[in-house]
N, C-alpha and C. Protein backbone atom coordinates (compact mmCIF):
# COMPACT_ATOMS: atom_id res chain seq x y z
N UNK A 1 21.82 -6.47 -33.55
CA UNK A 1 21.46 -7.19 -32.33
C UNK A 1 21.32 -6.21 -31.16
N UNK A 2 20.29 -6.42 -30.36
CA UNK A 2 20.04 -5.52 -29.24
C UNK A 2 20.98 -5.82 -28.07
N UNK A 3 21.34 -4.74 -27.37
CA UNK A 3 22.20 -4.89 -26.20
C UNK A 3 21.40 -5.46 -25.03
N UNK A 4 22.10 -5.93 -24.01
CA UNK A 4 21.44 -6.42 -22.80
C UNK A 4 20.57 -5.33 -22.18
N UNK A 5 21.07 -4.10 -22.23
CA UNK A 5 20.33 -2.98 -21.66
C UNK A 5 19.03 -2.75 -22.42
N UNK A 6 19.08 -2.78 -23.75
CA UNK A 6 17.86 -2.59 -24.55
C UNK A 6 16.85 -3.71 -24.30
N UNK A 7 17.33 -4.94 -24.20
CA UNK A 7 16.44 -6.07 -23.93
C UNK A 7 15.79 -5.95 -22.55
N UNK A 8 16.59 -5.54 -21.56
CA UNK A 8 16.04 -5.36 -20.22
C UNK A 8 15.03 -4.22 -20.20
N UNK A 9 15.32 -3.14 -20.92
CA UNK A 9 14.40 -2.00 -21.00
C UNK A 9 13.04 -2.45 -21.55
N UNK A 10 13.06 -3.25 -22.61
CA UNK A 10 11.81 -3.75 -23.21
C UNK A 10 11.03 -4.60 -22.21
N UNK A 11 11.72 -5.48 -21.51
CA UNK A 11 11.09 -6.35 -20.52
C UNK A 11 10.47 -5.50 -19.39
N UNK A 12 11.21 -4.50 -18.94
CA UNK A 12 10.74 -3.63 -17.85
C UNK A 12 9.49 -2.85 -18.27
N UNK A 13 9.44 -2.38 -19.51
CA UNK A 13 8.26 -1.65 -19.99
C UNK A 13 7.02 -2.52 -19.93
N UNK A 14 7.15 -3.78 -20.34
CA UNK A 14 6.02 -4.72 -20.31
C UNK A 14 5.58 -4.95 -18.87
N UNK A 15 6.54 -5.15 -17.99
CA UNK A 15 6.23 -5.40 -16.58
C UNK A 15 5.55 -4.19 -15.94
N UNK A 16 6.03 -2.98 -16.24
CA UNK A 16 5.45 -1.78 -15.64
C UNK A 16 4.03 -1.53 -16.12
N UNK A 17 3.71 -1.94 -17.33
CA UNK A 17 2.33 -1.80 -17.85
C UNK A 17 1.36 -2.51 -16.91
N UNK A 18 1.77 -3.68 -16.40
CA UNK A 18 0.92 -4.44 -15.47
C UNK A 18 0.74 -3.66 -14.16
N UNK A 19 1.80 -3.04 -13.69
CA UNK A 19 1.75 -2.30 -12.43
C UNK A 19 0.90 -1.05 -12.52
N UNK A 20 0.72 -0.52 -13.73
CA UNK A 20 -0.12 0.67 -13.90
C UNK A 20 -1.54 0.41 -13.44
N UNK A 21 -1.98 -0.83 -13.52
CA UNK A 21 -3.37 -1.16 -13.21
C UNK A 21 -3.52 -1.93 -11.90
N UNK A 22 -2.64 -2.89 -11.64
CA UNK A 22 -2.77 -3.77 -10.48
C UNK A 22 -2.44 -3.06 -9.17
N UNK A 23 -3.44 -2.81 -8.34
CA UNK A 23 -3.20 -2.22 -7.02
C UNK A 23 -2.49 -0.89 -7.07
N UNK A 24 -2.78 -0.10 -8.06
CA UNK A 24 -2.06 1.14 -8.31
C UNK A 24 -2.09 2.10 -7.12
N UNK A 25 -3.25 2.31 -6.55
CA UNK A 25 -3.37 3.28 -5.45
C UNK A 25 -2.51 2.84 -4.27
N UNK A 26 -2.54 1.56 -3.95
CA UNK A 26 -1.75 1.03 -2.84
C UNK A 26 -0.26 1.14 -3.13
N UNK A 27 0.14 0.84 -4.36
CA UNK A 27 1.56 0.92 -4.73
C UNK A 27 2.07 2.36 -4.58
N UNK A 28 1.32 3.32 -5.13
CA UNK A 28 1.71 4.73 -5.00
C UNK A 28 1.83 5.12 -3.53
N UNK A 29 0.85 4.73 -2.74
CA UNK A 29 0.81 5.10 -1.31
C UNK A 29 2.05 4.59 -0.57
N UNK A 30 2.41 3.34 -0.77
CA UNK A 30 3.57 2.77 -0.08
C UNK A 30 4.87 3.49 -0.46
N UNK A 31 5.03 3.78 -1.74
CA UNK A 31 6.25 4.47 -2.18
C UNK A 31 6.29 5.89 -1.60
N UNK A 32 5.16 6.60 -1.66
CA UNK A 32 5.12 7.97 -1.14
C UNK A 32 5.37 8.01 0.37
N UNK A 33 4.86 7.03 1.11
CA UNK A 33 5.13 6.97 2.55
C UNK A 33 6.63 6.80 2.81
N UNK A 34 7.26 5.94 2.03
CA UNK A 34 8.71 5.72 2.17
C UNK A 34 9.49 6.99 1.84
N UNK A 35 9.07 7.69 0.80
CA UNK A 35 9.74 8.94 0.42
C UNK A 35 9.58 10.00 1.50
N UNK A 36 8.38 10.12 2.06
CA UNK A 36 8.13 11.12 3.10
C UNK A 36 8.99 10.83 4.33
N UNK A 37 9.11 9.57 4.69
CA UNK A 37 9.97 9.18 5.82
C UNK A 37 11.43 9.53 5.52
N UNK A 38 11.89 9.23 4.31
CA UNK A 38 13.25 9.55 3.90
C UNK A 38 13.51 11.05 4.00
N UNK A 39 12.57 11.84 3.51
CA UNK A 39 12.71 13.31 3.53
C UNK A 39 12.73 13.83 4.97
N UNK A 40 11.79 13.38 5.77
CA UNK A 40 11.71 13.86 7.16
C UNK A 40 12.90 13.40 8.00
N UNK A 41 13.29 12.13 7.85
CA UNK A 41 14.40 11.60 8.66
C UNK A 41 15.73 12.29 8.35
N UNK A 42 15.89 12.77 7.12
CA UNK A 42 17.15 13.39 6.72
C UNK A 42 17.09 14.91 6.63
N UNK A 43 15.91 15.48 6.83
CA UNK A 43 15.77 16.93 6.81
C UNK A 43 16.05 17.57 5.46
N UNK A 44 15.77 16.86 4.39
CA UNK A 44 16.01 17.42 3.05
C UNK A 44 15.12 18.64 2.82
N UNK A 45 15.71 19.72 2.33
CA UNK A 45 14.97 20.98 2.10
C UNK A 45 14.76 21.28 0.63
N UNK A 46 15.78 21.06 -0.19
CA UNK A 46 15.72 21.35 -1.63
C UNK A 46 15.63 20.03 -2.39
N UNK A 47 14.46 19.79 -2.98
CA UNK A 47 14.18 18.47 -3.54
C UNK A 47 13.76 18.59 -4.99
N UNK A 48 14.38 17.75 -5.82
CA UNK A 48 13.98 17.62 -7.22
C UNK A 48 13.03 16.43 -7.31
N UNK A 49 11.81 16.66 -7.79
CA UNK A 49 10.81 15.60 -7.94
C UNK A 49 10.25 15.69 -9.35
N UNK A 50 10.12 14.55 -9.99
CA UNK A 50 9.55 14.53 -11.34
C UNK A 50 8.02 14.64 -11.28
N UNK A 51 7.45 15.16 -12.35
CA UNK A 51 6.00 15.15 -12.52
C UNK A 51 5.69 13.87 -13.31
N UNK A 52 4.83 12.99 -12.78
CA UNK A 52 4.74 11.62 -13.29
C UNK A 52 4.05 11.44 -14.64
N UNK A 53 4.54 10.41 -15.34
CA UNK A 53 3.85 9.84 -16.48
C UNK A 53 2.96 8.72 -15.94
N UNK A 54 2.12 8.17 -16.78
CA UNK A 54 1.18 7.13 -16.35
C UNK A 54 1.87 5.90 -15.77
N UNK A 55 3.04 5.56 -16.28
CA UNK A 55 3.73 4.34 -15.84
C UNK A 55 4.62 4.57 -14.62
N UNK A 56 4.61 5.77 -14.07
CA UNK A 56 5.49 6.12 -12.96
C UNK A 56 4.70 6.32 -11.67
N UNK A 57 5.39 6.22 -10.54
CA UNK A 57 4.76 6.50 -9.25
C UNK A 57 4.19 7.91 -9.31
N UNK A 58 2.94 8.06 -8.87
CA UNK A 58 2.29 9.37 -8.87
C UNK A 58 2.82 10.21 -7.72
N UNK A 59 3.72 11.12 -8.04
CA UNK A 59 4.36 11.96 -7.02
C UNK A 59 3.57 13.24 -6.70
N UNK A 60 2.47 13.47 -7.39
CA UNK A 60 1.73 14.72 -7.17
C UNK A 60 1.23 14.88 -5.73
N UNK A 61 0.72 13.82 -5.06
CA UNK A 61 0.34 14.01 -3.66
C UNK A 61 1.52 14.41 -2.77
N UNK A 62 2.69 13.88 -3.05
CA UNK A 62 3.89 14.24 -2.29
C UNK A 62 4.27 15.70 -2.56
N UNK A 63 4.25 16.09 -3.81
CA UNK A 63 4.56 17.48 -4.17
C UNK A 63 3.61 18.42 -3.44
N UNK A 64 2.32 18.11 -3.48
CA UNK A 64 1.32 18.97 -2.83
C UNK A 64 1.52 19.02 -1.31
N UNK A 65 1.93 17.91 -0.72
CA UNK A 65 2.15 17.86 0.73
C UNK A 65 3.39 18.67 1.14
N UNK A 66 4.41 18.66 0.29
CA UNK A 66 5.67 19.32 0.62
C UNK A 66 5.70 20.81 0.26
N UNK A 67 4.83 21.22 -0.67
CA UNK A 67 4.82 22.64 -1.07
C UNK A 67 4.62 23.54 0.14
N UNK A 68 5.43 24.57 0.21
CA UNK A 68 5.35 25.50 1.32
C UNK A 68 6.21 25.08 2.52
N UNK A 69 6.57 23.80 2.57
CA UNK A 69 7.42 23.31 3.67
C UNK A 69 8.85 23.05 3.21
N UNK A 70 8.99 22.73 1.93
CA UNK A 70 10.28 22.46 1.31
C UNK A 70 10.35 23.20 -0.01
N UNK A 71 11.54 23.33 -0.57
CA UNK A 71 11.70 23.91 -1.90
C UNK A 71 11.61 22.77 -2.90
N UNK A 72 10.56 22.79 -3.71
CA UNK A 72 10.31 21.71 -4.66
C UNK A 72 10.64 22.20 -6.06
N UNK A 73 11.49 21.41 -6.72
CA UNK A 73 11.89 21.70 -8.09
C UNK A 73 11.50 20.52 -8.96
N UNK A 74 11.23 20.82 -10.23
CA UNK A 74 10.87 19.78 -11.18
C UNK A 74 11.69 19.96 -12.45
N UNK A 75 11.83 18.89 -13.23
CA UNK A 75 12.55 19.01 -14.50
C UNK A 75 11.79 19.88 -15.50
N UNK A 76 12.55 20.67 -16.25
CA UNK A 76 12.02 21.46 -17.35
C UNK A 76 12.90 21.15 -18.56
N UNK A 77 12.33 20.50 -19.56
CA UNK A 77 13.12 20.05 -20.71
C UNK A 77 13.72 21.21 -21.49
N UNK A 78 15.00 21.04 -21.81
CA UNK A 78 15.73 21.98 -22.65
C UNK A 78 16.62 21.17 -23.57
N UNK A 79 16.24 21.07 -24.83
CA UNK A 79 17.04 20.32 -25.80
C UNK A 79 17.12 18.85 -25.42
N UNK A 80 18.36 18.33 -25.26
CA UNK A 80 18.55 16.91 -24.95
C UNK A 80 18.71 16.65 -23.46
N UNK A 81 18.48 17.67 -22.64
CA UNK A 81 18.58 17.52 -21.20
C UNK A 81 17.44 18.31 -20.56
N UNK A 82 17.60 18.66 -19.31
CA UNK A 82 16.62 19.52 -18.65
C UNK A 82 17.32 20.36 -17.61
N UNK A 83 16.61 21.36 -17.13
CA UNK A 83 17.07 22.15 -16.01
C UNK A 83 16.00 22.05 -14.93
N UNK A 84 16.33 22.50 -13.75
CA UNK A 84 15.35 22.50 -12.66
C UNK A 84 14.65 23.84 -12.61
N UNK A 85 13.35 23.78 -12.40
CA UNK A 85 12.57 25.00 -12.15
C UNK A 85 11.72 24.76 -10.92
N UNK A 86 11.37 25.84 -10.25
CA UNK A 86 10.51 25.75 -9.08
C UNK A 86 9.14 25.22 -9.51
N UNK A 87 8.58 24.30 -8.73
CA UNK A 87 7.25 23.79 -9.05
C UNK A 87 6.23 24.88 -8.78
N UNK A 88 5.40 25.13 -9.78
CA UNK A 88 4.29 26.06 -9.63
C UNK A 88 3.26 25.76 -10.71
N UNK A 89 2.05 26.14 -10.44
CA UNK A 89 0.96 25.92 -11.38
C UNK A 89 0.80 27.15 -12.26
N UNK A 90 0.23 27.05 -13.43
CA UNK A 90 -0.35 25.86 -14.07
C UNK A 90 0.74 25.01 -14.74
N UNK A 91 0.38 23.76 -15.01
CA UNK A 91 1.26 22.85 -15.73
C UNK A 91 0.77 22.75 -17.18
N UNK A 92 1.70 22.64 -18.10
CA UNK A 92 1.38 22.47 -19.52
C UNK A 92 1.92 21.13 -19.97
N UNK A 93 1.25 20.52 -20.94
CA UNK A 93 1.73 19.25 -21.49
C UNK A 93 2.71 19.56 -22.62
N UNK A 94 3.90 19.00 -22.49
CA UNK A 94 4.98 19.27 -23.45
C UNK A 94 5.36 18.00 -24.20
N UNK A 95 6.55 18.00 -24.75
CA UNK A 95 7.09 16.88 -25.50
C UNK A 95 7.05 15.60 -24.66
N UNK A 96 6.81 14.45 -25.28
CA UNK A 96 6.72 13.14 -24.63
C UNK A 96 5.55 13.07 -23.64
N UNK A 97 4.57 13.98 -23.77
CA UNK A 97 3.39 14.04 -22.88
C UNK A 97 3.77 14.32 -21.43
N UNK A 98 4.87 15.04 -21.24
CA UNK A 98 5.35 15.40 -19.91
C UNK A 98 4.75 16.74 -19.50
N UNK A 99 4.25 16.79 -18.28
CA UNK A 99 3.70 18.04 -17.75
C UNK A 99 4.83 18.84 -17.12
N UNK A 100 4.80 20.15 -17.36
CA UNK A 100 5.82 21.05 -16.82
C UNK A 100 5.20 22.38 -16.44
N UNK A 101 5.79 23.06 -15.46
CA UNK A 101 5.39 24.45 -15.21
C UNK A 101 6.03 25.33 -16.28
N UNK A 102 5.74 26.61 -16.25
CA UNK A 102 6.39 27.53 -17.17
C UNK A 102 7.87 27.65 -16.82
N UNK A 103 8.65 28.08 -17.79
CA UNK A 103 10.08 28.26 -17.58
C UNK A 103 10.32 29.29 -16.48
N UNK A 104 11.43 29.13 -15.80
CA UNK A 104 11.80 30.03 -14.72
C UNK A 104 13.28 30.35 -14.86
N UNK A 105 13.64 31.55 -14.52
CA UNK A 105 15.04 31.95 -14.63
C UNK A 105 15.64 32.27 -13.28
N UNK A 106 14.98 31.81 -12.20
CA UNK A 106 15.52 32.08 -10.86
C UNK A 106 16.71 31.16 -10.60
N UNK A 107 17.57 31.60 -9.72
CA UNK A 107 18.74 30.81 -9.35
C UNK A 107 18.29 29.65 -8.49
N UNK A 108 18.70 28.47 -8.86
CA UNK A 108 18.30 27.26 -8.15
C UNK A 108 19.40 26.87 -7.17
N UNK A 109 19.04 26.64 -5.90
CA UNK A 109 20.06 26.25 -4.93
C UNK A 109 20.52 24.81 -5.16
N UNK A 110 21.54 24.41 -4.44
CA UNK A 110 22.01 23.03 -4.48
C UNK A 110 20.88 22.13 -3.97
N UNK A 111 20.61 21.06 -4.69
CA UNK A 111 19.55 20.17 -4.23
C UNK A 111 20.12 19.10 -3.29
N UNK A 112 19.30 18.74 -2.30
CA UNK A 112 19.69 17.74 -1.31
C UNK A 112 19.31 16.33 -1.76
N UNK A 113 18.14 16.24 -2.42
CA UNK A 113 17.59 14.94 -2.80
C UNK A 113 16.98 15.04 -4.18
N UNK A 114 17.25 14.04 -5.01
CA UNK A 114 16.61 13.93 -6.32
C UNK A 114 15.81 12.64 -6.34
N UNK A 115 14.52 12.77 -6.61
CA UNK A 115 13.64 11.61 -6.72
C UNK A 115 13.47 11.34 -8.21
N UNK A 116 13.93 10.18 -8.66
CA UNK A 116 14.05 9.89 -10.08
C UNK A 116 13.27 8.62 -10.44
N UNK A 117 12.41 8.71 -11.47
CA UNK A 117 11.69 7.51 -11.92
C UNK A 117 12.61 6.61 -12.73
N UNK A 118 12.37 5.31 -12.67
CA UNK A 118 13.17 4.36 -13.44
C UNK A 118 12.28 3.35 -14.14
N UNK A 119 12.77 2.84 -15.26
CA UNK A 119 12.15 1.66 -15.89
C UNK A 119 12.72 0.41 -15.24
N UNK A 120 14.00 0.49 -14.89
CA UNK A 120 14.67 -0.64 -14.27
C UNK A 120 15.97 -0.20 -13.63
N UNK A 121 16.56 -1.12 -12.90
CA UNK A 121 17.82 -0.85 -12.21
C UNK A 121 18.73 -2.05 -12.44
N UNK A 122 19.99 -1.77 -12.77
CA UNK A 122 20.91 -2.88 -13.05
C UNK A 122 21.66 -3.31 -11.78
N UNK A 123 22.56 -4.26 -11.93
CA UNK A 123 23.28 -4.85 -10.81
C UNK A 123 24.19 -3.91 -10.06
N UNK A 124 24.53 -2.76 -10.63
CA UNK A 124 25.34 -1.78 -9.91
C UNK A 124 24.48 -0.59 -9.48
N UNK A 125 23.17 -0.80 -9.46
CA UNK A 125 22.17 0.20 -9.06
C UNK A 125 22.22 1.45 -9.92
N UNK A 126 22.42 1.25 -11.20
CA UNK A 126 22.37 2.35 -12.16
C UNK A 126 21.02 2.33 -12.86
N UNK A 127 20.63 3.50 -13.31
CA UNK A 127 19.30 3.72 -13.88
C UNK A 127 19.17 3.26 -15.32
N UNK A 128 18.08 2.55 -15.56
CA UNK A 128 17.66 2.26 -16.92
C UNK A 128 16.38 3.05 -17.11
N UNK A 129 16.47 4.05 -18.00
CA UNK A 129 15.32 4.91 -18.25
C UNK A 129 14.77 4.64 -19.64
N UNK A 130 14.18 5.66 -20.23
CA UNK A 130 13.56 5.51 -21.54
C UNK A 130 14.55 5.58 -22.69
N UNK A 131 15.82 5.83 -22.41
CA UNK A 131 16.84 5.79 -23.45
C UNK A 131 17.19 7.13 -24.07
N UNK A 132 16.68 8.22 -23.53
CA UNK A 132 16.99 9.55 -24.08
C UNK A 132 18.23 10.17 -23.42
N UNK A 133 18.59 9.70 -22.23
CA UNK A 133 19.78 10.20 -21.54
C UNK A 133 19.64 11.55 -20.88
N UNK A 134 18.41 12.04 -20.73
CA UNK A 134 18.20 13.38 -20.17
C UNK A 134 18.67 13.47 -18.71
N UNK A 135 18.32 12.49 -17.89
CA UNK A 135 18.76 12.52 -16.49
C UNK A 135 20.28 12.40 -16.39
N UNK A 136 20.88 11.55 -17.24
CA UNK A 136 22.34 11.39 -17.21
C UNK A 136 23.03 12.72 -17.52
N UNK A 137 22.58 13.41 -18.56
CA UNK A 137 23.18 14.70 -18.92
C UNK A 137 22.95 15.75 -17.84
N UNK A 138 21.74 15.74 -17.25
CA UNK A 138 21.44 16.71 -16.20
C UNK A 138 22.37 16.50 -15.00
N UNK A 139 22.48 15.26 -14.52
CA UNK A 139 23.32 15.00 -13.34
C UNK A 139 24.79 15.29 -13.61
N UNK A 140 25.21 15.04 -14.83
CA UNK A 140 26.59 15.34 -15.21
C UNK A 140 26.88 16.85 -15.11
N UNK A 141 25.85 17.68 -15.30
CA UNK A 141 26.03 19.13 -15.28
C UNK A 141 26.04 19.72 -13.87
N UNK A 142 25.64 18.94 -12.87
CA UNK A 142 25.58 19.46 -11.50
C UNK A 142 26.98 19.62 -10.91
N UNK A 143 27.14 20.67 -10.12
CA UNK A 143 28.43 20.92 -9.46
C UNK A 143 28.62 19.99 -8.26
N UNK A 144 27.53 19.64 -7.59
CA UNK A 144 27.60 18.70 -6.47
C UNK A 144 26.49 17.67 -6.62
N UNK A 145 26.74 16.50 -6.12
CA UNK A 145 25.79 15.40 -6.29
C UNK A 145 24.82 15.31 -5.12
N UNK A 146 23.52 15.33 -5.40
CA UNK A 146 22.55 15.13 -4.34
C UNK A 146 22.40 13.64 -4.04
N UNK A 147 21.71 13.31 -2.96
CA UNK A 147 21.29 11.93 -2.73
C UNK A 147 20.26 11.62 -3.82
N UNK A 148 20.31 10.41 -4.34
CA UNK A 148 19.43 10.02 -5.43
C UNK A 148 18.57 8.84 -4.99
N UNK A 149 17.24 9.04 -5.09
CA UNK A 149 16.28 7.98 -4.79
C UNK A 149 15.59 7.57 -6.07
N UNK A 150 15.79 6.32 -6.48
CA UNK A 150 15.06 5.77 -7.61
C UNK A 150 13.73 5.25 -7.08
N UNK A 151 12.65 5.52 -7.81
CA UNK A 151 11.34 5.01 -7.41
C UNK A 151 10.67 4.32 -8.58
N UNK A 152 9.82 3.34 -8.22
CA UNK A 152 9.18 2.53 -9.24
C UNK A 152 7.94 1.86 -8.67
N UNK A 153 6.94 1.64 -9.53
CA UNK A 153 5.68 1.01 -9.12
C UNK A 153 5.85 -0.45 -8.73
N UNK A 154 6.88 -1.10 -9.22
CA UNK A 154 7.16 -2.49 -8.90
C UNK A 154 8.63 -2.74 -9.20
N UNK A 155 9.16 -3.75 -8.63
CA UNK A 155 10.59 -4.01 -8.79
C UNK A 155 10.94 -4.53 -10.18
N UNK A 156 11.82 -3.84 -10.86
CA UNK A 156 12.40 -4.27 -12.14
C UNK A 156 13.91 -4.15 -11.98
N UNK A 157 14.50 -5.17 -11.43
CA UNK A 157 15.90 -5.17 -11.05
C UNK A 157 16.57 -6.37 -11.67
N UNK A 158 17.74 -6.15 -12.26
CA UNK A 158 18.54 -7.26 -12.79
C UNK A 158 19.87 -7.29 -12.06
N UNK A 159 20.39 -8.47 -11.85
CA UNK A 159 21.70 -8.58 -11.21
C UNK A 159 22.82 -8.29 -12.22
N UNK A 160 22.50 -8.33 -13.52
CA UNK A 160 23.49 -8.02 -14.56
C UNK A 160 23.86 -6.54 -14.53
N UNK A 161 25.09 -6.26 -14.86
CA UNK A 161 25.54 -4.86 -14.98
C UNK A 161 25.45 -4.49 -16.45
N UNK A 162 24.34 -3.84 -16.82
CA UNK A 162 24.06 -3.54 -18.22
C UNK A 162 24.23 -2.06 -18.57
N UNK A 163 24.41 -1.23 -17.58
CA UNK A 163 24.51 0.22 -17.81
C UNK A 163 25.94 0.64 -18.14
N UNK A 164 26.06 1.86 -18.67
CA UNK A 164 27.36 2.43 -18.99
C UNK A 164 27.85 3.32 -17.84
N UNK A 165 29.08 3.75 -17.94
CA UNK A 165 29.69 4.54 -16.86
C UNK A 165 28.97 5.87 -16.63
N UNK A 166 28.35 6.45 -17.66
CA UNK A 166 27.69 7.75 -17.51
C UNK A 166 26.29 7.66 -16.88
N UNK A 167 25.73 6.45 -16.78
CA UNK A 167 24.39 6.31 -16.22
C UNK A 167 24.41 6.63 -14.73
N UNK A 168 23.34 7.30 -14.27
CA UNK A 168 23.30 7.70 -12.85
C UNK A 168 23.03 6.51 -11.95
N UNK A 169 23.51 6.63 -10.73
CA UNK A 169 23.43 5.55 -9.75
C UNK A 169 22.59 6.01 -8.57
N UNK A 170 21.85 5.08 -7.99
CA UNK A 170 20.99 5.38 -6.84
C UNK A 170 21.74 5.28 -5.53
N UNK A 171 21.27 6.04 -4.55
CA UNK A 171 21.68 5.86 -3.17
C UNK A 171 20.64 4.98 -2.46
N UNK A 172 19.41 5.04 -2.97
CA UNK A 172 18.32 4.23 -2.42
C UNK A 172 17.34 3.91 -3.55
N UNK A 173 16.80 2.71 -3.53
CA UNK A 173 15.86 2.24 -4.54
C UNK A 173 14.58 1.87 -3.81
N UNK A 174 13.48 2.56 -4.13
CA UNK A 174 12.22 2.38 -3.42
C UNK A 174 11.15 1.85 -4.36
N UNK A 175 10.60 0.70 -3.99
CA UNK A 175 9.45 0.13 -4.67
C UNK A 175 8.36 -0.03 -3.60
N UNK A 176 7.14 -0.39 -3.98
CA UNK A 176 6.09 -0.51 -2.97
C UNK A 176 6.40 -1.50 -1.85
N UNK A 177 7.13 -2.56 -2.17
CA UNK A 177 7.32 -3.61 -1.18
C UNK A 177 8.77 -3.86 -0.81
N UNK A 178 9.66 -2.99 -1.27
CA UNK A 178 11.07 -3.18 -0.96
C UNK A 178 11.80 -1.84 -1.01
N UNK A 179 12.73 -1.67 -0.07
CA UNK A 179 13.62 -0.50 -0.07
C UNK A 179 15.03 -1.06 0.00
N UNK A 180 15.86 -0.66 -0.96
CA UNK A 180 17.25 -1.10 -0.97
C UNK A 180 18.13 0.14 -0.84
N UNK A 181 18.92 0.19 0.23
CA UNK A 181 19.89 1.28 0.40
C UNK A 181 21.21 0.80 -0.18
N UNK A 182 21.79 1.62 -1.02
CA UNK A 182 23.02 1.21 -1.72
C UNK A 182 24.23 1.69 -0.93
């Protein structure tokens, strides 16, 4: 029998498929405007931003806008987790069709803000992702916790608490038409 979390994940995937097509450009724009305001209002300098999949908010315009003004880092998959590397071109398509820059061995500073894609968010504002646990393992490895912004093309939120204790929690949840500060 499937857990509540697995059932919610399946429902969220179906819902996000619709958002990939319906008003996509407008949805991306609203989320990116909210992120830019969050970054500017708080003066975040070292930012972890994901490189998007088709079902996720397209963060590439934000990355391009911030390059040269902020230190932009992106996930680089390593085994069952990832590390942060400085964003730079060219990008290669890797496992799970994820685009990544080449590996980097430079020392990464403490990050101020992590922008994290979600499939859904539970009642305690914890992340429901694709089920691989990569973000959970990555955040567990950090010495200090950055502010965490969950972003999504449309709201997939349940009032049920379906996540486990190790799942990461948001400080802010941003969708095109709603911002929830936790």
